[in-house]
Amino acid sequence: MAEATITISEELRGTLEEYAEAAGYSSADEFAAVILQREIDRLEDADASDKIEDRLRGLGYIS
């Protein structure tokens, strides 16, 4: 898998490092990747829920 760089402020990087250490992650980079993946998963789940709701509405099961 290819790697990419994301630019964040030094202040945010410091906070990320503090929380990563407190949570037991091996690095701020690992912690950031986990946070990003969780947010993507949450958004995808919300999108899927919206699609299901739209289908049920279209079928007349909900209004």
PDB file of N, CA and C in Angstrom:
ATOM      1  N   MET A   1       0.846  -1.166   0.000  1.00  0.00           N
ATOM      2  CA  MET A   1       0.000   0.000   0.000  1.00  0.00           C
ATOM      3  C   MET A   1       0.893   1.232   0.000  1.00  0.00           C
ATOM      4  N   ALA A   2       0.588   2.187  -0.852  1.00  0.00           N
ATOM      5  CA  ALA A   2       1.348   3.428  -0.929  1.00  0.00           C
ATOM      6  C   ALA A   2       1.017   4.310   0.269  1.00  0.00           C
ATOM      7  N   GLU A   3       1.965   5.103   0.665  1.00  0.00           N
ATOM      8  CA  GLU A   3       1.753   6.022   1.774  1.00  0.00           C
ATOM      9  C   GLU A   3       1.647   7.441   1.252  1.00  0.00           C
ATOM     10  N   ALA A   4       0.922   8.276   1.978  1.00  0.00           N
ATOM     11  CA  ALA A   4       0.760   9.674   1.621  1.00  0.00           C
ATOM     12  C   ALA A   4       1.048  10.527   2.850  1.00  0.00           C
ATOM     13  N   THR A   5       1.265  11.787   2.624  1.00  0.00           N
ATOM     14  CA  THR A   5       1.535  12.722   3.705  1.00  0.00           C
ATOM     15  C   THR A   5       0.370  13.691   3.829  1.00  0.00           C
ATOM     16  N   ILE A   6      -0.039  13.933   5.067  1.00  0.00           N
ATOM     17  CA  ILE A   6      -1.077  14.913   5.356  1.00  0.00           C
ATOM     18  C   ILE A   6      -0.439  16.003   6.205  1.00  0.00           C
ATOM     19  N   THR A   7      -0.676  17.241   5.844  1.00  0.00           N
ATOM     20  CA  THR A   7      -0.100  18.357   6.575  1.00  0.00           C
ATOM     21  C   THR A   7      -1.081  18.837   7.640  1.00  0.00           C
ATOM     22  N   ILE A   8      -0.606  18.884   8.886  1.00  0.00           N
ATOM     23  CA  ILE A   8      -1.393  19.402  10.004  1.00  0.00           C
ATOM     24  C   ILE A   8      -0.522  20.380  10.782  1.00  0.00           C
ATOM     25  N   SER A   9      -1.150  21.180  11.615  1.00  0.00           N
ATOM     26  CA  SER A   9      -0.396  22.159  12.397  1.00  0.00           C
ATOM     27  C   SER A   9       0.457  21.450  13.453  1.00  0.00           C
ATOM     28  N   GLU A  10       1.487  22.128  13.891  1.00  0.00           N
ATOM     29  CA  GLU A  10       2.348  21.584  14.951  1.00  0.00           C
ATOM     30  C   GLU A  10       1.552  21.375  16.235  1.00  0.00           C
ATOM     31  N   GLU A  11       0.627  22.289  16.496  1.00  0.00           N
ATOM     32  CA  GLU A  11      -0.204  22.177  17.695  1.00  0.00           C
ATOM     33  C   GLU A  11      -1.052  20.903  17.644  1.00  0.00           C
ATOM     34  N   LEU A  12      -1.692  20.660  16.512  1.00  0.00           N
ATOM     35  CA  LEU A  12      -2.500  19.458  16.355  1.00  0.00           C
ATOM     36  C   LEU A  12      -1.631  18.210  16.425  1.00  0.00           C
ATOM     37  N   ARG A  13      -0.457  18.258  15.826  1.00  0.00           N
ATOM     38  CA  ARG A  13       0.464  17.121  15.875  1.00  0.00           C
ATOM     39  C   ARG A  13       0.835  16.792  17.323  1.00  0.00           C
ATOM     40  N   GLY A  14       1.098  17.834  18.126  1.00  0.00           N
ATOM     41  CA  GLY A  14       1.427  17.616  19.537  1.00  0.00           C
ATOM     42  C   GLY A  14       0.294  16.962  20.290  1.00  0.00           C
ATOM     43  N   THR A  15      -0.910  17.441  20.045  1.00  0.00           N
ATOM     44  CA  THR A  15      -2.091  16.856  20.692  1.00  0.00           C
ATOM     45  C   THR A  15      -2.279  15.416  20.253  1.00  0.00           C
ATOM     46  N   LEU A  16      -2.107  15.166  18.976  1.00  0.00           N
ATOM     47  CA  LEU A  16      -2.231  13.816  18.434  1.00  0.00           C
ATOM     48  C   LEU A  16      -1.216  12.878  19.084  1.00  0.00           C
ATOM     49  N   GLU A  17       0.004  13.342  19.248  1.00  0.00           N
ATOM     50  CA  GLU A  17       1.045  12.523  19.880  1.00  0.00           C
ATOM     51  C   GLU A  17       0.699  12.215  21.333  1.00  0.00           C
ATOM     52  N   GLU A  18       0.181  13.209  22.052  1.00  0.00           N
ATOM     53  CA  GLU A  18      -0.204  13.000  23.459  1.00  0.00           C
ATOM     54  C   GLU A  18      -1.296  11.940  23.578  1.00  0.00           C
ATOM     55  N   TYR A  19      -2.330  12.076  22.768  1.00  0.00           N
ATOM     56  CA  TYR A  19      -3.440  11.131  22.831  1.00  0.00           C
ATOM     57  C   TYR A  19      -3.036   9.745  22.333  1.00  0.00           C
ATOM     58  N   ALA A  20      -2.187   9.697  21.342  1.00  0.00           N
ATOM     59  CA  ALA A  20      -1.719   8.408  20.830  1.00  0.00           C
ATOM     60  C   ALA A  20      -0.977   7.654  21.917  1.00  0.00           C
ATOM     61  N   GLU A  21      -0.111   8.348  22.621  1.00  0.00           N
ATOM     62  CA  GLU A  21       0.646   7.709  23.703  1.00  0.00           C
ATOM     63  C   GLU A  21      -0.278   7.251  24.822  1.00  0.00           C
ATOM     64  N   ALA A  22      -1.226   8.125  25.205  1.00  0.00           N
ATOM     65  CA  ALA A  22      -2.158   7.787  26.284  1.00  0.00           C
ATOM     66  C   ALA A  22      -3.035   6.599  25.917  1.00  0.00           C
ATOM     67  N   ALA A  23      -3.370   6.466  24.642  1.00  0.00           N
ATOM     68  CA  ALA A  23      -4.239   5.381  24.190  1.00  0.00           C
ATOM     69  C   ALA A  23      -3.467   4.105  23.875  1.00  0.00           C
ATOM     70  N   GLY A  24      -2.135   4.172  23.929  1.00  0.00           N
ATOM     71  CA  GLY A  24      -1.337   2.974  23.723  1.00  0.00           C
ATOM     72  C   GLY A  24      -0.954   2.690  22.284  1.00  0.00           C
ATOM     73  N   TYR A  25      -1.098   3.664  21.405  1.00  0.00           N
ATOM     74  CA  TYR A  25      -0.692   3.465  20.011  1.00  0.00           C
ATOM     75  C   TYR A  25       0.816   3.615  19.898  1.00  0.00           C
ATOM     76  N   SER A  26       1.400   2.968  18.908  1.00  0.00           N
ATOM     77  CA  SER A  26       2.844   2.997  18.739  1.00  0.00           C
ATOM     78  C   SER A  26       3.341   4.316  18.169  1.00  0.00           C
ATOM     79  N   SER A  27       2.456   5.076  17.523  1.00  0.00           N
ATOM     80  CA  SER A  27       2.860   6.368  16.965  1.00  0.00           C
ATOM     81  C   SER A  27       1.631   7.237  16.715  1.00  0.00           C
ATOM     82  N   ALA A  28       1.894   8.523  16.543  1.00  0.00           N
ATOM     83  CA  ALA A  28       0.815   9.442  16.192  1.00  0.00           C
ATOM     84  C   ALA A  28       0.272   9.105  14.809  1.00  0.00           C
ATOM     85  N   ASP A  29       1.140   8.642  13.920  1.00  0.00           N
ATOM     86  CA  ASP A  29       0.700   8.268  12.571  1.00  0.00           C
ATOM     87  C   ASP A  29      -0.290   7.108  12.617  1.00  0.00           C
ATOM     88  N   GLU A  30       0.012   6.104  13.435  1.00  0.00           N
ATOM     89  CA  GLU A  30      -0.899   4.964  13.564  1.00  0.00           C
ATOM     90  C   GLU A  30      -2.242   5.422  14.130  1.00  0.00           C
ATOM     91  N   PHE A  31      -2.194   6.257  15.153  1.00  0.00           N
ATOM     92  CA  PHE A  31      -3.403   6.769  15.778  1.00  0.00           C
ATOM     93  C   PHE A  31      -4.227   7.580  14.785  1.00  0.00           C
ATOM     94  N   ALA A  32      -3.586   8.438  14.012  1.00  0.00           N
ATOM     95  CA  ALA A  32      -4.275   9.244  13.012  1.00  0.00           C
ATOM     96  C   ALA A  32      -4.955   8.354  11.974  1.00  0.00           C
ATOM     97  N   ALA A  33      -4.273   7.307  11.545  1.00  0.00           N
ATOM     98  CA  ALA A  33      -4.858   6.398  10.556  1.00  0.00           C
ATOM     99  C   ALA A  33      -6.103   5.721  11.116  1.00  0.00           C
ATOM    100  N   VAL A  34      -6.061   5.319  12.378  1.00  0.00           N
ATOM    101  CA  VAL A  34      -7.218   4.677  13.013  1.00  0.00           C
ATOM    102  C   VAL A  34      -8.377   5.663  13.112  1.00  0.00           C
ATOM    103  N   ILE A  35      -8.088   6.884  13.527  1.00  0.00           N
ATOM    104  CA  ILE A  35      -9.134   7.909  13.644  1.00  0.00           C
ATOM    105  C   ILE A  35      -9.776   8.173  12.283  1.00  0.00           C
ATOM    106  N   LEU A  36      -8.962   8.327  11.266  1.00  0.00           N
ATOM    107  CA  LEU A  36      -9.496   8.587   9.924  1.00  0.00           C
ATOM    108  C   LEU A  36     -10.352   7.431   9.429  1.00  0.00           C
ATOM    109  N   GLN A  37      -9.903   6.204   9.651  1.00  0.00           N
ATOM    110  CA  GLN A  37     -10.671   5.050   9.204  1.00  0.00           C
ATOM    111  C   GLN A  37     -12.004   4.952   9.930  1.00  0.00           C
ATOM    112  N   ARG A  38     -12.004   5.229  11.245  1.00  0.00           N
ATOM    113  CA  ARG A  38     -13.254   5.210  12.011  1.00  0.00           C
ATOM    114  C   ARG A  38     -14.251   6.231  11.476  1.00  0.00           C
ATOM    115  N   GLU A  39     -13.762   7.418  11.153  1.00  0.00           N
ATOM    116  CA  GLU A  39     -14.651   8.462  10.638  1.00  0.00           C
ATOM    117  C   GLU A  39     -15.197   8.086   9.267  1.00  0.00           C
ATOM    118  N   ILE A  40     -14.362   7.525   8.423  1.00  0.00           N
ATOM    119  CA  ILE A  40     -14.813   7.068   7.103  1.00  0.00           C
ATOM    120  C   ILE A  40     -15.870   5.979   7.262  1.00  0.00           C
ATOM    121  N   ASP A  41     -15.622   5.022   8.154  1.00  0.00           N
ATOM    122  CA  ASP A  41     -16.598   3.957   8.399  1.00  0.00           C
ATOM    123  C   ASP A  41     -17.922   4.527   8.900  1.00  0.00           C
ATOM    124  N   ARG A  42     -17.847   5.506   9.796  1.00  0.00           N
ATOM    125  CA  ARG A  42     -19.061   6.118  10.345  1.00  0.00           C
ATOM    126  C   ARG A  42     -19.855   6.806   9.234  1.00  0.00           C
ATOM    127  N   LEU A  43     -19.172   7.528   8.385  1.00  0.00           N
ATOM    128  CA  LEU A  43     -19.847   8.216   7.284  1.00  0.00           C
ATOM    129  C   LEU A  43     -20.438   7.232   6.282  1.00  0.00           C
ATOM    130  N   GLU A  44     -19.723   6.155   6.001  1.00  0.00           N
ATOM    131  CA  GLU A  44     -20.253   5.146   5.087  1.00  0.00           C
ATOM    132  C   GLU A  44     -21.475   4.470   5.676  1.00  0.00           C
ATOM    133  N   ASP A  45     -21.459   4.198   6.997  1.00  0.00           N
ATOM    134  CA  ASP A  45     -22.615   3.590   7.655  1.00  0.00           C
ATOM    135  C   ASP A  45     -23.822   4.524   7.592  1.00  0.00           C
ATOM    136  N   ALA A  46     -23.585   5.819   7.803  1.00  0.00           N
ATOM    137  CA  ALA A  46     -24.674   6.796   7.745  1.00  0.00           C
ATOM    138  C   ALA A  46     -25.247   6.856   6.335  1.00  0.00           C
ATOM    139  N   ASP A  47     -24.387   6.806   5.338  1.00  0.00           N
ATOM    140  CA  ASP A  47     -24.839   6.833   3.948  1.00  0.00           C
ATOM    141  C   ASP A  47     -25.667   5.593   3.634  1.00  0.00           C
ATOM    142  N   ALA A  48     -25.217   4.442   4.120  1.00  0.00           N
ATOM    143  CA  ALA A  48     -25.954   3.196   3.886  1.00  0.00           C
ATOM    144  C   ALA A  48     -27.316   3.252   4.574  1.00  0.00           C
ATOM    145  N   SER A  49     -27.369   3.793   5.776  1.00  0.00           N
ATOM    146  CA  SER A  49     -28.636   3.919   6.500  1.00  0.00           C
ATOM    147  C   SER A  49     -29.601   4.829   5.756  1.00  0.00           C
ATOM    148  N   ASP A  50     -29.068   5.924   5.210  1.00  0.00           N
ATOM    149  CA  ASP A  50     -29.909   6.841   4.435  1.00  0.00           C
ATOM    150  C   ASP A  50     -30.476   6.152   3.205  1.00  0.00           C
ATOM    151  N   LYS A  51     -29.667   5.346   2.539  1.00  0.00           N
ATOM    152  CA  LYS A  51     -30.127   4.642   1.346  1.00  0.00           C
ATOM    153  C   LYS A  51     -31.216   3.632   1.699  1.00  0.00           C
ATOM    154  N   ILE A  52     -31.037   2.918   2.802  1.00  0.00           N
ATOM    155  CA  ILE A  52     -32.047   1.951   3.239  1.00  0.00           C
ATOM    156  C   ILE A  52     -33.346   2.677   3.577  1.00  0.00           C
ATOM    157  N   GLU A  53     -33.231   3.787   4.293  1.00  0.00           N
ATOM    158  CA  GLU A  53     -34.422   4.560   4.644  1.00  0.00           C
ATOM    159  C   GLU A  53     -35.140   5.061   3.392  1.00  0.00           C
ATOM    160  N   ASP A  54     -34.388   5.541   2.412  1.00  0.00           N
ATOM    161  CA  ASP A  54     -34.986   5.997   1.156  1.00  0.00           C
ATOM    162  C   ASP A  54     -35.719   4.859   0.450  1.00  0.00           C
ATOM    163  N   ARG A  55     -35.142   3.669   0.457  1.00  0.00           N
ATOM    164  CA  ARG A  55     -35.788   2.512  -0.182  1.00  0.00           C
ATOM    165  C   ARG A  55     -37.083   2.151   0.539  1.00  0.00           C
ATOM    166  N   LEU A  56     -37.038   2.134   1.885  1.00  0.00           N
ATOM    167  CA  LEU A  56     -38.237   1.802   2.643  1.00  0.00           C
ATOM    168  C   LEU A  56     -39.320   2.853   2.441  1.00  0.00           C
ATOM    169  N   ARG A  57     -38.915   4.118   2.355  1.00  0.00           N
ATOM    170  CA  ARG A  57     -39.868   5.193   2.096  1.00  0.00           C
ATOM    171  C   ARG A  57     -40.488   5.004   0.707  1.00  0.00           C
ATOM    172  N   GLY A  58     -39.682   4.676  -0.275  1.00  0.00           N
ATOM    173  CA  GLY A  58     -40.165   4.453  -1.626  1.00  0.00           C
ATOM    174  C   GLY A  58     -41.126   3.288  -1.725  1.00  0.00           C
ATOM    175  N   LEU A  59     -40.927   2.289  -0.876  1.00  0.00           N
ATOM    176  CA  LEU A  59     -41.808   1.126  -0.868  1.00  0.00           C
ATOM    177  C   LEU A  59     -43.064   1.372  -0.026  1.00  0.00           C
ATOM    178  N   GLY A  60     -43.116   2.507   0.655  1.00  0.00           N
ATOM    179  CA  GLY A  60     -44.294   2.841   1.454  1.00  0.00           C
ATOM    180  C   GLY A  60     -44.270   2.293   2.872  1.00  0.00           C
ATOM    181  N   TYR A  61     -43.164   1.715   3.290  1.00  0.00           N
ATOM    182  CA  TYR A  61     -43.093   1.162   4.645  1.00  0.00           C
ATOM    183  C   TYR A  61     -42.931   2.243   5.702  1.00  0.00           C
ATOM    184  N   ILE A  62     -42.328   3.355   5.338  1.00  0.00           N
ATOM    185  CA  ILE A  62     -42.206   4.484   6.248  1.00  0.00           C
ATOM    186  C   ILE A  62     -42.567   5.753   5.498  1.00  0.00           C
ATOM    187  N   SER A  63     -42.951   6.781   6.269  1.00  0.00           N
ATOM    188  CA  SER A  63     -43.310   8.035   5.592  1.00  0.00           C
ATOM    189  C   SER A  63     -42.511   9.182   6.137  1.00  0.00           C
TER     190      SER A  63
END
